[in-house]
Amino acid sequence: MLFDLTGKTALVTGTSGGLGAAMAIGLAEAGASIVAISSSNSNSTVEAVRAIGGQIEQISADLSQADTLESVFERAVSCFGKIDILVNNAGIIRRAPAAEHSAKDWQDVIDLNLNSVFYLSQLAGRHMLERGSGKIINIASMLSYQGGINVPGYTASKHAVAGLTKALANEWAGRGVQINAIAPGYMTTNNTAPIVADEARFKSITDRIPAARWGTPDDLKGPVVFLASAASDYMNGHVLNVDGGWLAR
């Protein structure tokens, strides 16, 4: 029963595929109703949740536009009347050497990967604090710890997400709202396709992972359900590494 999410509503961003889709499906499998936010009109996640008998509503929105987030959040609340769980997953990555990284690429990444996380957390936090309970789960990264290569904006944003997770926990944990993060390791998604296509780099990364494989989106189902459920009620400000042991080596 600790992991049962029946009666809960989860707002998940970036659900058109990959990690967001898998986490939305995992939360639905645990009993939560899902509000899925995506910049596209892809119905695959909606179809997958409904195929298992789950409840889901989809909202199409560009979360990088800060001035629209309040109305987007209000629409999300109206779907099922409340938000118990927020999963800040939406994000982009722009690859270019730091000396050539354009101002637009930098700003696009920061607007979506960091600014939207804060503003949505703020909106959800107010909603949850009024009710005295809630779970916010941010998606961090191995680049919340490391520097990466040719991704300065992404690295900066993910370091900031880890710090924001701790800052919000310090303010809200004593008022019934838990804020934690998941830091996925190397996962096979569209974002990592350029690395997978580089045979030498793909092999060097795989050789370092103790689990001897890259993760899949389904590997995040259990961790997100755990952090969304009563099983994690005494966890606050924690970044949970789901990396096959990458950081241990």
Protein backbone atom coordinates (compact mmCIF):
# COMPACT_ATOMS: atom_id res chain seq x y z
CA MET A 1 0.00 0.00 0.00
CA LEU A 2 2.96 2.34 0.46
CA PHE A 3 3.31 2.60 -3.32
CA ASP A 4 -0.40 2.90 -4.14
CA LEU A 5 -1.24 6.16 -5.93
CA THR A 6 -4.97 5.57 -6.29
CA GLY A 7 -6.83 8.86 -5.98
CA LYS A 8 -3.73 10.94 -6.71
CA THR A 9 -3.25 13.24 -9.70
CA ALA A 10 0.18 13.57 -11.29
CA LEU A 11 1.21 16.38 -13.61
CA VAL A 12 4.07 15.19 -15.82
CA THR A 13 5.85 17.42 -18.33
CA GLY A 14 7.63 16.34 -21.48
CA THR A 15 5.48 13.28 -22.14
CA SER A 16 5.67 12.92 -25.92
CA GLY A 17 8.12 10.04 -25.53
CA GLY A 18 11.21 8.79 -23.75
CA LEU A 19 11.57 9.29 -20.01
CA GLY A 20 8.46 11.43 -19.59
CA ALA A 21 6.20 8.94 -21.32
CA ALA A 22 7.55 6.02 -19.29
CA MET A 23 7.17 7.89 -15.99
CA ALA A 24 3.62 8.94 -16.82
CA ILE A 25 2.73 5.33 -17.65
CA GLY A 26 4.44 4.07 -14.48
CA LEU A 27 2.49 6.52 -12.32
CA ALA A 28 -0.74 5.49 -14.04
CA GLU A 29 0.08 1.81 -13.43
CA ALA A 30 0.34 2.70 -9.72
CA GLY A 31 -3.14 4.22 -9.82
CA ALA A 32 -2.58 7.94 -10.43
CA SER A 33 -4.60 10.04 -12.83
CA ILE A 34 -2.25 11.79 -15.26
CA VAL A 35 -2.14 15.29 -16.69
CA ALA A 36 0.41 15.06 -19.50
CA ILE A 37 2.01 18.23 -20.83
CA SER A 38 3.92 18.14 -24.08
CA SER A 39 4.99 20.61 -26.74
CA SER A 40 3.67 18.20 -29.38
CA ASN A 41 0.28 16.68 -30.01
CA SER A 42 1.56 13.11 -29.85
CA ASN A 43 -1.12 10.75 -28.55
CA SER A 44 1.08 7.72 -27.91
CA THR A 45 1.33 8.29 -24.14
CA VAL A 46 -2.40 8.98 -23.89
CA GLU A 47 -3.14 5.77 -25.76
CA ALA A 48 -0.72 3.76 -23.59
CA VAL A 49 -2.26 5.00 -20.33
CA ARG A 50 -5.81 4.43 -21.52
CA ALA A 51 -4.85 0.95 -22.73
CA ILE A 52 -4.13 -0.04 -19.12
CA GLY A 53 -7.38 1.51 -17.92
CA GLY A 54 -5.80 4.70 -16.60
CA GLN A 55 -7.16 8.23 -16.63
CA ILE A 56 -5.19 10.84 -18.56
CA GLU A 57 -5.69 14.29 -20.01
CA GLN A 58 -3.22 15.94 -22.36
CA ILE A 59 -2.28 19.61 -22.60
CA SER A 60 -0.16 20.97 -25.44
CA ALA A 61 2.05 23.84 -24.27
CA ASP A 62 5.46 25.44 -24.75
CA LEU A 63 6.77 25.53 -21.19
CA SER A 64 9.68 27.79 -22.15
CA GLN A 65 7.18 30.67 -22.33
CA ALA A 66 7.13 31.78 -18.69
CA ASP A 67 4.18 34.13 -19.11
CA THR A 68 1.90 31.23 -20.06
CA LEU A 69 2.74 28.87 -17.20
CA GLU A 70 0.12 30.12 -14.75
CA SER A 71 -2.69 29.50 -17.23
CA VAL A 72 -1.19 26.12 -18.15
CA PHE A 73 -1.10 25.12 -14.49
CA GLU A 74 -4.70 26.27 -13.98
CA ARG A 75 -5.75 24.11 -16.93
CA ALA A 76 -3.89 21.18 -15.40
CA VAL A 77 -5.67 21.59 -12.06
CA SER A 78 -9.04 21.79 -13.81
CA CYS A 79 -8.55 18.35 -15.42
CA PHE A 80 -9.05 16.41 -12.17
CA GLY A 81 -9.53 19.17 -9.60
CA LYS A 82 -6.09 19.02 -7.96
CA ILE A 83 -2.41 18.23 -8.43
CA ASP A 84 -0.80 15.90 -5.87
CA ILE A 85 2.41 15.14 -7.79
CA LEU A 86 4.47 17.27 -10.15
CA VAL A 87 7.17 15.67 -12.30
CA ASN A 88 9.35 18.33 -13.96
CA ASN A 89 10.75 16.31 -16.82
CA ALA A 90 10.56 18.55 -19.92
CA GLY A 91 13.96 19.53 -21.22
CA ILE A 92 16.15 20.06 -24.25
CA ILE A 93 19.85 19.78 -25.01
CA ARG A 94 21.88 21.84 -27.47
CA ARG A 95 25.30 20.54 -28.44
CA ALA A 96 28.13 22.89 -29.42
CA PRO A 97 31.60 23.65 -28.06
CA ALA A 98 31.50 26.35 -25.39
CA ALA A 99 33.43 28.81 -27.57
CA GLU A 100 30.77 28.45 -30.28
CA HIS A 101 27.68 28.03 -28.09
CA SER A 102 25.17 30.64 -29.24
CA ALA A 103 23.30 32.95 -26.90
CA LYS A 104 20.03 31.58 -28.27
CA ASP A 105 20.98 27.97 -27.56
CA TRP A 106 22.02 28.92 -24.03
CA GLN A 107 18.80 30.83 -23.35
CA ASP A 108 16.52 28.18 -24.90
CA VAL A 109 18.00 25.52 -22.63
CA ILE A 110 17.85 27.65 -19.49
CA ASP A 111 14.27 28.76 -20.19
CA LEU A 112 12.95 25.21 -20.43
CA ASN A 113 15.32 23.16 -18.26
CA LEU A 114 15.54 25.58 -15.34
CA ASN A 115 13.12 28.49 -15.46
CA SER A 116 10.05 26.36 -16.19
CA VAL A 117 11.06 23.99 -13.38
CA PHE A 118 11.13 26.83 -10.88
CA TYR A 119 7.92 28.50 -12.04
CA LEU A 120 5.93 25.26 -12.22
CA SER A 121 7.31 24.20 -8.83
CA GLN A 122 6.29 27.57 -7.42
CA LEU A 123 2.76 27.25 -8.81
CA ALA A 124 2.41 23.64 -7.69
CA GLY A 125 4.04 24.45 -4.36
CA ARG A 126 1.46 27.10 -3.54
CA HIS A 127 -1.32 24.66 -4.46
CA MET A 128 0.21 21.89 -2.36
CA LEU A 129 1.04 24.07 0.64
CA GLU A 130 -2.58 25.16 0.85
CA ARG A 131 -3.57 21.49 1.07
CA GLY A 132 -0.68 20.50 3.35
CA SER A 133 0.69 17.75 1.13
CA GLY A 134 2.32 17.10 -2.22
CA LYS A 135 5.28 15.65 -4.08
CA ILE A 136 7.54 17.47 -6.52
CA ILE A 137 10.02 15.37 -8.50
CA ASN A 138 12.60 17.13 -10.65
CA ILE A 139 14.61 15.36 -13.31
CA ALA A 140 18.29 16.08 -12.81
CA SER A 141 21.14 14.34 -14.64
CA MET A 142 24.62 12.88 -14.35
CA LEU A 143 25.53 16.39 -15.51
CA SER A 144 24.21 17.68 -12.21
CA TYR A 145 27.59 16.35 -10.98
CA GLN A 146 29.85 16.36 -14.01
CA GLY A 147 30.73 18.81 -16.77
CA GLY A 148 29.94 16.86 -19.90
CA ILE A 149 31.29 17.72 -23.35
CA ASN A 150 29.88 20.41 -25.65
CA VAL A 151 26.76 20.94 -23.52
CA PRO A 152 27.50 23.94 -21.26
CA GLY A 153 23.91 25.18 -21.11
CA TYR A 154 22.52 21.75 -20.31
CA THR A 155 25.14 21.17 -17.64
CA ALA A 156 24.48 24.54 -16.02
CA SER A 157 20.74 23.89 -16.01
CA LYS A 158 21.05 20.44 -14.45
CA HIS A 159 23.44 21.61 -11.74
CA ALA A 160 20.86 24.29 -10.97
CA VAL A 161 17.99 21.80 -10.86
CA ALA A 162 19.82 19.81 -8.18
CA GLY A 163 20.38 22.97 -6.15
CA LEU A 164 16.79 24.14 -6.60
CA THR A 165 15.55 20.77 -5.37
CA LYS A 166 17.45 21.27 -2.12
CA ALA A 167 16.43 24.90 -1.75
CA LEU A 168 12.71 24.15 -2.10
CA ALA A 169 12.98 21.19 0.27
CA ASN A 170 14.48 23.46 2.91
CA GLU A 171 11.44 25.72 2.74
CA TRP A 172 8.59 23.27 2.20
CA ALA A 173 9.52 19.91 3.75
CA GLY A 174 8.19 20.98 7.15
CA ARG A 175 4.86 21.89 5.61
CA GLY A 176 4.01 18.52 4.08
CA VAL A 177 5.54 18.91 0.62
CA GLN A 178 8.45 16.68 -0.41
CA ILE A 179 10.79 17.84 -3.15
CA ASN A 180 13.30 15.35 -4.54
CA ALA A 181 14.99 14.65 -7.86
CA ILE A 182 15.97 11.75 -10.06
CA ALA A 183 19.31 11.85 -11.86
CA PRO A 184 19.14 9.37 -14.73
CA GLY A 185 22.35 7.87 -16.00
CA TYR A 186 22.96 7.23 -19.67
CA MET A 187 19.55 6.37 -21.14
CA THR A 188 18.61 5.41 -24.68
CA THR A 189 16.43 8.35 -25.74
CA ASN A 190 16.30 10.85 -28.59
CA ASN A 191 18.51 13.20 -26.58
CA THR A 192 21.34 10.67 -26.44
CA ALA A 193 21.02 9.48 -30.05
CA PRO A 194 24.13 11.42 -31.20
CA ILE A 195 26.21 9.68 -28.52
CA VAL A 196 24.82 6.24 -29.34
CA ALA A 197 25.70 6.86 -32.99
CA ASP A 198 29.33 7.53 -32.04
CA GLU A 199 30.58 3.95 -31.71
CA ALA A 200 33.79 4.79 -29.85
CA ARG A 201 32.10 7.07 -27.32
CA PHE A 202 29.16 4.70 -26.86
CA LYS A 203 31.58 1.88 -26.06
CA SER A 204 33.67 3.96 -23.66
CA ILE A 205 30.57 4.99 -21.73
CA THR A 206 29.12 1.47 -21.65
CA ASP A 207 32.44 0.05 -20.45
CA ARG A 208 32.31 2.36 -17.42
CA ILE A 209 28.77 1.41 -16.36
CA PRO A 210 28.89 -1.43 -13.79
CA ALA A 211 25.49 -2.67 -14.96
CA ALA A 212 27.11 -3.13 -18.40
CA ARG A 213 24.21 -1.52 -20.25
CA TRP A 214 22.53 1.79 -20.86
CA GLY A 215 19.25 2.45 -19.09
CA THR A 216 15.85 2.48 -20.73
CA PRO A 217 12.93 4.81 -19.97
CA ASP A 218 11.20 1.96 -18.13
CA ASP A 219 14.05 1.96 -15.60
CA LEU A 220 12.58 5.20 -14.20
CA LYS A 221 9.11 3.81 -13.50
CA GLY A 222 9.98 2.37 -10.09
CA PRO A 223 11.98 5.37 -8.86
CA VAL A 224 9.31 7.90 -9.86
CA VAL A 225 6.55 5.87 -8.21
CA PHE A 226 8.67 5.60 -5.06
CA LEU A 227 9.25 9.35 -4.87
CA ALA A 228 5.59 10.06 -5.65
CA SER A 229 4.26 7.70 -2.99
CA ALA A 230 4.00 7.53 0.79
CA ALA A 231 7.06 5.26 0.75
CA SER A 232 9.27 8.35 0.43
CA ASP A 233 7.52 10.64 2.92
CA TYR A 234 10.72 11.22 4.92
CA MET A 235 12.90 11.92 1.88
CA ASN A 236 13.53 15.58 1.23
CA GLY A 237 16.01 17.42 -0.97
CA HIS A 238 17.53 14.18 -2.24
CA VAL A 239 18.89 13.51 -5.73
CA LEU A 240 18.33 9.82 -6.49
CA ASN A 241 20.87 8.48 -8.98
CA VAL A 242 19.46 5.87 -11.38
CA ASP A 243 22.64 5.27 -13.32
CA GLY A 244 23.55 1.57 -13.36
CA GLY A 245 26.42 2.43 -11.02
CA TRP A 246 28.05 5.06 -13.28
CA LEU A 247 28.96 7.41 -10.43
CA ALA A 248 30.29 4.56 -8.31
CA ARG A 249 33.08 3.74 -10.75
